[in-house]
Amino acid sequence: MIAFFMSVVLGIVVGGMSAMWTKLGLLLLGGWLGGTTGMMVYDAVLAEALGGGPKASTGFWSVIAIFIAFGAIITVFLYSHAIAVGSSITGAYALIRVSDINLIL
């Protein structure tokens, strides 16, 4: 329950800051989209190749960091496309999370 309220408060704060400073919101949206893509790429391609251990952990965070930076930079150039894709993925993720919480309860 605490995590839910903290998520709501953090969402309100970050959303308000993103509305006031558009470039910051755009970079956060691009970074989140890049991080999500990096996680999918790592799970689909690199997880089996790296195996387990510290090499896998370093590879995981390296791929995530590279994709976050790439996503944040590319959203500056593709402003309207980034907002459309990022908000659709965020909305789909939120819908799945909410339905998952309701199924568990």
N, C-alpha and C. Protein backbone atom coordinates (compact mmCIF):
# COMPACT_ATOMS: atom_id res chain seq x y z
N MET A 1 0.82 -1.18 0.00
CA MET A 1 0.00 0.00 0.00
C MET A 1 0.87 1.26 0.00
N ILE A 2 1.96 1.20 0.74
CA ILE A 2 2.88 2.34 0.77
C ILE A 2 3.49 2.55 -0.61
N ALA A 3 3.85 1.46 -1.27
CA ALA A 3 4.43 1.57 -2.61
C ALA A 3 3.44 2.21 -3.59
N PHE A 4 2.16 1.90 -3.44
CA PHE A 4 1.15 2.49 -4.32
C PHE A 4 1.08 4.00 -4.13
N PHE A 5 1.01 4.44 -2.88
CA PHE A 5 0.92 5.87 -2.63
C PHE A 5 2.20 6.61 -3.02
N MET A 6 3.33 5.99 -2.81
CA MET A 6 4.59 6.61 -3.22
C MET A 6 4.64 6.72 -4.75
N SER A 7 4.14 5.71 -5.45
CA SER A 7 4.09 5.76 -6.92
C SER A 7 3.18 6.87 -7.41
N VAL A 8 2.05 7.05 -6.75
CA VAL A 8 1.12 8.11 -7.13
C VAL A 8 1.76 9.48 -6.90
N VAL A 9 2.38 9.67 -5.73
CA VAL A 9 3.01 10.95 -5.43
C VAL A 9 4.15 11.23 -6.39
N LEU A 10 4.99 10.23 -6.63
CA LEU A 10 6.10 10.40 -7.56
C LEU A 10 5.60 10.68 -8.98
N GLY A 11 4.53 10.02 -9.38
CA GLY A 11 3.94 10.27 -10.69
C GLY A 11 3.41 11.69 -10.82
N ILE A 12 2.79 12.20 -9.76
CA ILE A 12 2.28 13.57 -9.79
C ILE A 12 3.43 14.56 -9.87
N VAL A 13 4.48 14.33 -9.08
CA VAL A 13 5.62 15.25 -9.07
C VAL A 13 6.33 15.24 -10.42
N VAL A 14 6.64 14.05 -10.94
CA VAL A 14 7.34 13.96 -12.23
C VAL A 14 6.45 14.47 -13.36
N GLY A 15 5.17 14.18 -13.31
CA GLY A 15 4.25 14.68 -14.33
C GLY A 15 4.15 16.20 -14.31
N GLY A 16 4.09 16.79 -13.11
CA GLY A 16 4.06 18.25 -13.00
C GLY A 16 5.33 18.90 -13.51
N MET A 17 6.47 18.30 -13.15
CA MET A 17 7.74 18.83 -13.63
C MET A 17 7.84 18.69 -15.15
N SER A 18 7.35 17.58 -15.67
CA SER A 18 7.39 17.36 -17.12
C SER A 18 6.49 18.34 -17.86
N ALA A 19 5.38 18.72 -17.24
CA ALA A 19 4.50 19.70 -17.88
C ALA A 19 5.11 21.09 -17.85
N MET A 20 5.84 21.41 -16.77
CA MET A 20 6.45 22.74 -16.67
C MET A 20 7.68 22.85 -17.57
N TRP A 21 8.49 21.80 -17.59
CA TRP A 21 9.72 21.80 -18.40
C TRP A 21 9.59 20.69 -19.43
N THR A 22 9.18 21.05 -20.63
CA THR A 22 8.88 20.08 -21.67
C THR A 22 10.08 19.24 -22.05
N LYS A 23 11.25 19.85 -22.16
CA LYS A 23 12.45 19.10 -22.55
C LYS A 23 12.81 18.05 -21.51
N LEU A 24 12.65 18.38 -20.22
CA LEU A 24 12.93 17.40 -19.17
C LEU A 24 11.98 16.22 -19.28
N GLY A 25 10.69 16.51 -19.48
CA GLY A 25 9.71 15.44 -19.64
C GLY A 25 10.00 14.59 -20.86
N LEU A 26 10.42 15.24 -21.91
CA LEU A 26 10.76 14.53 -23.14
C LEU A 26 11.96 13.61 -22.93
N LEU A 27 12.97 14.10 -22.24
CA LEU A 27 14.15 13.27 -21.96
C LEU A 27 13.81 12.10 -21.04
N LEU A 28 12.96 12.34 -20.04
CA LEU A 28 12.54 11.26 -19.15
C LEU A 28 11.74 10.20 -19.91
N LEU A 29 10.84 10.66 -20.77
CA LEU A 29 10.04 9.73 -21.57
C LEU A 29 10.92 8.92 -22.51
N GLY A 30 11.88 9.59 -23.16
CA GLY A 30 12.80 8.88 -24.05
C GLY A 30 13.70 7.92 -23.31
N GLY A 31 14.16 8.33 -22.13
CA GLY A 31 14.99 7.44 -21.33
C GLY A 31 14.23 6.22 -20.86
N TRP A 32 12.97 6.42 -20.46
CA TRP A 32 12.17 5.29 -20.01
C TRP A 32 11.90 4.34 -21.18
N LEU A 33 11.59 4.90 -22.33
CA LEU A 33 11.34 4.08 -23.51
C LEU A 33 12.61 3.34 -23.93
N GLY A 34 13.76 4.02 -23.87
CA GLY A 34 15.03 3.37 -24.19
C GLY A 34 15.39 2.27 -23.19
N GLY A 35 15.15 2.53 -21.91
CA GLY A 35 15.43 1.51 -20.89
C GLY A 35 14.57 0.28 -21.05
N THR A 36 13.29 0.49 -21.38
CA THR A 36 12.39 -0.63 -21.61
C THR A 36 12.83 -1.43 -22.83
N THR A 37 13.21 -0.73 -23.89
CA THR A 37 13.68 -1.40 -25.10
C THR A 37 14.98 -2.16 -24.82
N GLY A 38 15.88 -1.54 -24.06
CA GLY A 38 17.13 -2.21 -23.70
C GLY A 38 16.90 -3.48 -22.91
N MET A 39 15.93 -3.46 -22.00
CA MET A 39 15.62 -4.66 -21.23
C MET A 39 15.08 -5.78 -22.14
N MET A 40 14.23 -5.39 -23.08
CA MET A 40 13.69 -6.39 -24.01
C MET A 40 14.79 -6.97 -24.90
N VAL A 41 15.70 -6.10 -25.38
CA VAL A 41 16.81 -6.57 -26.22
C VAL A 41 17.73 -7.49 -25.43
N TYR A 42 18.02 -7.11 -24.19
CA TYR A 42 18.90 -7.95 -23.37
C TYR A 42 18.26 -9.32 -23.13
N ASP A 43 16.98 -9.33 -22.76
CA ASP A 43 16.30 -10.61 -22.50
C ASP A 43 16.20 -11.47 -23.76
N ALA A 44 15.97 -10.84 -24.91
CA ALA A 44 15.77 -11.60 -26.14
C ALA A 44 17.08 -12.08 -26.76
N VAL A 45 18.15 -11.30 -26.62
CA VAL A 45 19.36 -11.59 -27.38
C VAL A 45 20.54 -11.97 -26.49
N LEU A 46 20.81 -11.17 -25.48
CA LEU A 46 22.07 -11.31 -24.75
C LEU A 46 22.01 -12.17 -23.49
N ALA A 47 20.85 -12.44 -22.94
CA ALA A 47 20.76 -13.16 -21.66
C ALA A 47 21.38 -14.55 -21.75
N GLU A 48 21.09 -15.26 -22.80
CA GLU A 48 21.63 -16.61 -22.96
C GLU A 48 23.13 -16.59 -23.27
N ALA A 49 23.55 -15.60 -24.01
CA ALA A 49 24.96 -15.53 -24.40
C ALA A 49 25.87 -15.22 -23.21
N LEU A 50 25.40 -14.37 -22.30
CA LEU A 50 26.24 -13.98 -21.17
C LEU A 50 26.15 -14.94 -19.99
N GLY A 51 25.10 -15.74 -19.93
CA GLY A 51 24.96 -16.69 -18.83
C GLY A 51 24.68 -15.98 -17.52
N GLY A 52 25.29 -16.48 -16.44
CA GLY A 52 25.08 -15.88 -15.13
C GLY A 52 26.36 -15.26 -14.60
N GLY A 53 26.30 -14.79 -13.37
CA GLY A 53 27.48 -14.24 -12.72
C GLY A 53 27.64 -12.75 -12.93
N PRO A 54 28.81 -12.23 -12.53
CA PRO A 54 29.01 -10.78 -12.60
C PRO A 54 29.07 -10.24 -14.03
N LYS A 55 29.50 -11.07 -14.97
CA LYS A 55 29.55 -10.62 -16.37
C LYS A 55 28.14 -10.33 -16.88
N ALA A 56 27.17 -11.13 -16.48
CA ALA A 56 25.80 -10.91 -16.92
C ALA A 56 25.23 -9.64 -16.30
N SER A 57 25.54 -9.37 -15.05
CA SER A 57 25.04 -8.16 -14.39
C SER A 57 25.63 -6.91 -15.03
N THR A 58 26.92 -6.94 -15.31
CA THR A 58 27.57 -5.80 -15.97
C THR A 58 27.01 -5.60 -17.37
N GLY A 59 26.81 -6.68 -18.09
CA GLY A 59 26.24 -6.59 -19.43
C GLY A 59 24.83 -6.05 -19.41
N PHE A 60 24.04 -6.49 -18.44
CA PHE A 60 22.66 -6.04 -18.32
C PHE A 60 22.59 -4.54 -18.12
N TRP A 61 23.34 -4.03 -17.15
CA TRP A 61 23.29 -2.60 -16.86
C TRP A 61 23.94 -1.77 -17.96
N SER A 62 24.92 -2.32 -18.64
CA SER A 62 25.54 -1.60 -19.75
C SER A 62 24.56 -1.43 -20.91
N VAL A 63 23.86 -2.49 -21.24
CA VAL A 63 22.87 -2.43 -22.32
C VAL A 63 21.76 -1.45 -21.96
N ILE A 64 21.29 -1.51 -20.72
CA ILE A 64 20.22 -0.60 -20.29
C ILE A 64 20.70 0.86 -20.38
N ALA A 65 21.91 1.14 -19.89
CA ALA A 65 22.43 2.51 -19.90
C ALA A 65 22.60 3.03 -21.33
N ILE A 66 23.09 2.19 -22.21
CA ILE A 66 23.27 2.60 -23.61
C ILE A 66 21.93 2.91 -24.25
N PHE A 67 20.95 2.06 -24.02
CA PHE A 67 19.63 2.29 -24.62
C PHE A 67 18.93 3.50 -24.00
N ILE A 68 19.13 3.76 -22.70
CA ILE A 68 18.55 4.95 -22.08
C ILE A 68 19.12 6.20 -22.72
N ALA A 69 20.45 6.25 -22.86
CA ALA A 69 21.08 7.42 -23.47
C ALA A 69 20.61 7.60 -24.92
N PHE A 70 20.57 6.51 -25.66
CA PHE A 70 20.12 6.57 -27.06
C PHE A 70 18.67 7.03 -27.15
N GLY A 71 17.81 6.49 -26.29
CA GLY A 71 16.41 6.88 -26.31
C GLY A 71 16.20 8.34 -25.94
N ALA A 72 16.95 8.82 -24.93
CA ALA A 72 16.81 10.22 -24.52
C ALA A 72 17.30 11.17 -25.60
N ILE A 73 18.37 10.81 -26.27
CA ILE A 73 18.90 11.68 -27.33
C ILE A 73 18.00 11.68 -28.56
N ILE A 74 17.52 10.52 -28.95
CA ILE A 74 16.72 10.46 -30.18
C ILE A 74 15.35 11.11 -30.01
N THR A 75 14.82 11.15 -28.78
CA THR A 75 13.53 11.80 -28.60
C THR A 75 13.60 13.30 -28.81
N VAL A 76 14.77 13.88 -28.63
CA VAL A 76 14.90 15.32 -28.88
C VAL A 76 14.67 15.62 -30.37
N PHE A 77 15.11 14.72 -31.23
CA PHE A 77 14.95 14.93 -32.67
C PHE A 77 13.60 14.46 -33.19
N LEU A 78 13.00 13.49 -32.54
CA LEU A 78 11.70 12.95 -32.98
C LEU A 78 10.64 13.26 -31.93
N TYR A 79 10.39 14.53 -31.69
CA TYR A 79 9.55 14.99 -30.59
C TYR A 79 8.14 14.39 -30.62
N SER A 80 7.39 14.62 -31.67
CA SER A 80 5.99 14.19 -31.70
C SER A 80 5.87 12.66 -31.74
N HIS A 81 6.77 12.01 -32.46
CA HIS A 81 6.73 10.55 -32.51
C HIS A 81 7.06 9.95 -31.15
N ALA A 82 8.01 10.55 -30.46
CA ALA A 82 8.40 10.05 -29.14
C ALA A 82 7.26 10.17 -28.14
N ILE A 83 6.54 11.26 -28.19
CA ILE A 83 5.42 11.43 -27.27
C ILE A 83 4.33 10.40 -27.57
N ALA A 84 4.02 10.17 -28.82
CA ALA A 84 2.98 9.21 -29.18
C ALA A 84 3.36 7.79 -28.77
N VAL A 85 4.57 7.37 -29.12
CA VAL A 85 5.01 6.01 -28.81
C VAL A 85 5.21 5.83 -27.31
N GLY A 86 5.86 6.79 -26.68
CA GLY A 86 6.13 6.68 -25.25
C GLY A 86 4.87 6.65 -24.42
N SER A 87 3.90 7.52 -24.74
CA SER A 87 2.67 7.50 -23.97
C SER A 87 1.84 6.25 -24.23
N SER A 88 1.88 5.72 -25.43
CA SER A 88 1.12 4.50 -25.69
C SER A 88 1.73 3.31 -24.94
N ILE A 89 3.04 3.22 -24.91
CA ILE A 89 3.68 2.13 -24.17
C ILE A 89 3.47 2.30 -22.68
N THR A 90 3.57 3.53 -22.19
CA THR A 90 3.34 3.78 -20.77
C THR A 90 1.90 3.43 -20.39
N GLY A 91 0.94 3.82 -21.22
CA GLY A 91 -0.45 3.49 -20.94
C GLY A 91 -0.72 2.00 -20.98
N ALA A 92 -0.12 1.31 -21.94
CA ALA A 92 -0.30 -0.15 -22.01
C ALA A 92 0.32 -0.83 -20.79
N TYR A 93 1.49 -0.37 -20.38
CA TYR A 93 2.14 -0.93 -19.20
C TYR A 93 1.29 -0.69 -17.95
N ALA A 94 0.76 0.53 -17.81
CA ALA A 94 -0.07 0.85 -16.65
C ALA A 94 -1.34 0.00 -16.65
N LEU A 95 -1.94 -0.21 -17.80
CA LEU A 95 -3.14 -1.03 -17.89
C LEU A 95 -2.87 -2.47 -17.47
N ILE A 96 -1.75 -3.02 -17.92
CA ILE A 96 -1.40 -4.40 -17.56
C ILE A 96 -1.10 -4.50 -16.07
N ARG A 97 -0.37 -3.53 -15.53
CA ARG A 97 -0.03 -3.54 -14.11
C ARG A 97 -1.29 -3.46 -13.25
N VAL A 98 -2.22 -2.59 -13.62
CA VAL A 98 -3.45 -2.45 -12.85
C VAL A 98 -4.28 -3.72 -12.92
N SER A 99 -4.39 -4.31 -14.09
CA SER A 99 -5.16 -5.54 -14.20
C SER A 99 -4.47 -6.68 -13.46
N ASP A 100 -3.15 -6.69 -13.42
CA ASP A 100 -2.42 -7.71 -12.69
C ASP A 100 -2.64 -7.54 -11.19
N ILE A 101 -2.65 -6.31 -10.70
CA ILE A 101 -2.89 -6.06 -9.27
C ILE A 101 -4.30 -6.51 -8.91
N ASN A 102 -5.28 -6.23 -9.76
CA ASN A 102 -6.65 -6.63 -9.48
C ASN A 102 -6.81 -8.14 -9.50
N LEU A 103 -6.06 -8.83 -10.35
CA LEU A 103 -6.16 -10.29 -10.38
C LEU A 103 -5.55 -10.91 -9.14
N ILE A 104 -4.50 -10.30 -8.60
CA ILE A 104 -3.85 -10.84 -7.41
C ILE A 104 -4.73 -10.63 -6.18
N LEU A 105 -5.36 -9.44 -6.10
CA LEU A 105 -6.20 -9.15 -4.95
C LEU A 105 -7.47 -9.94 -5.05
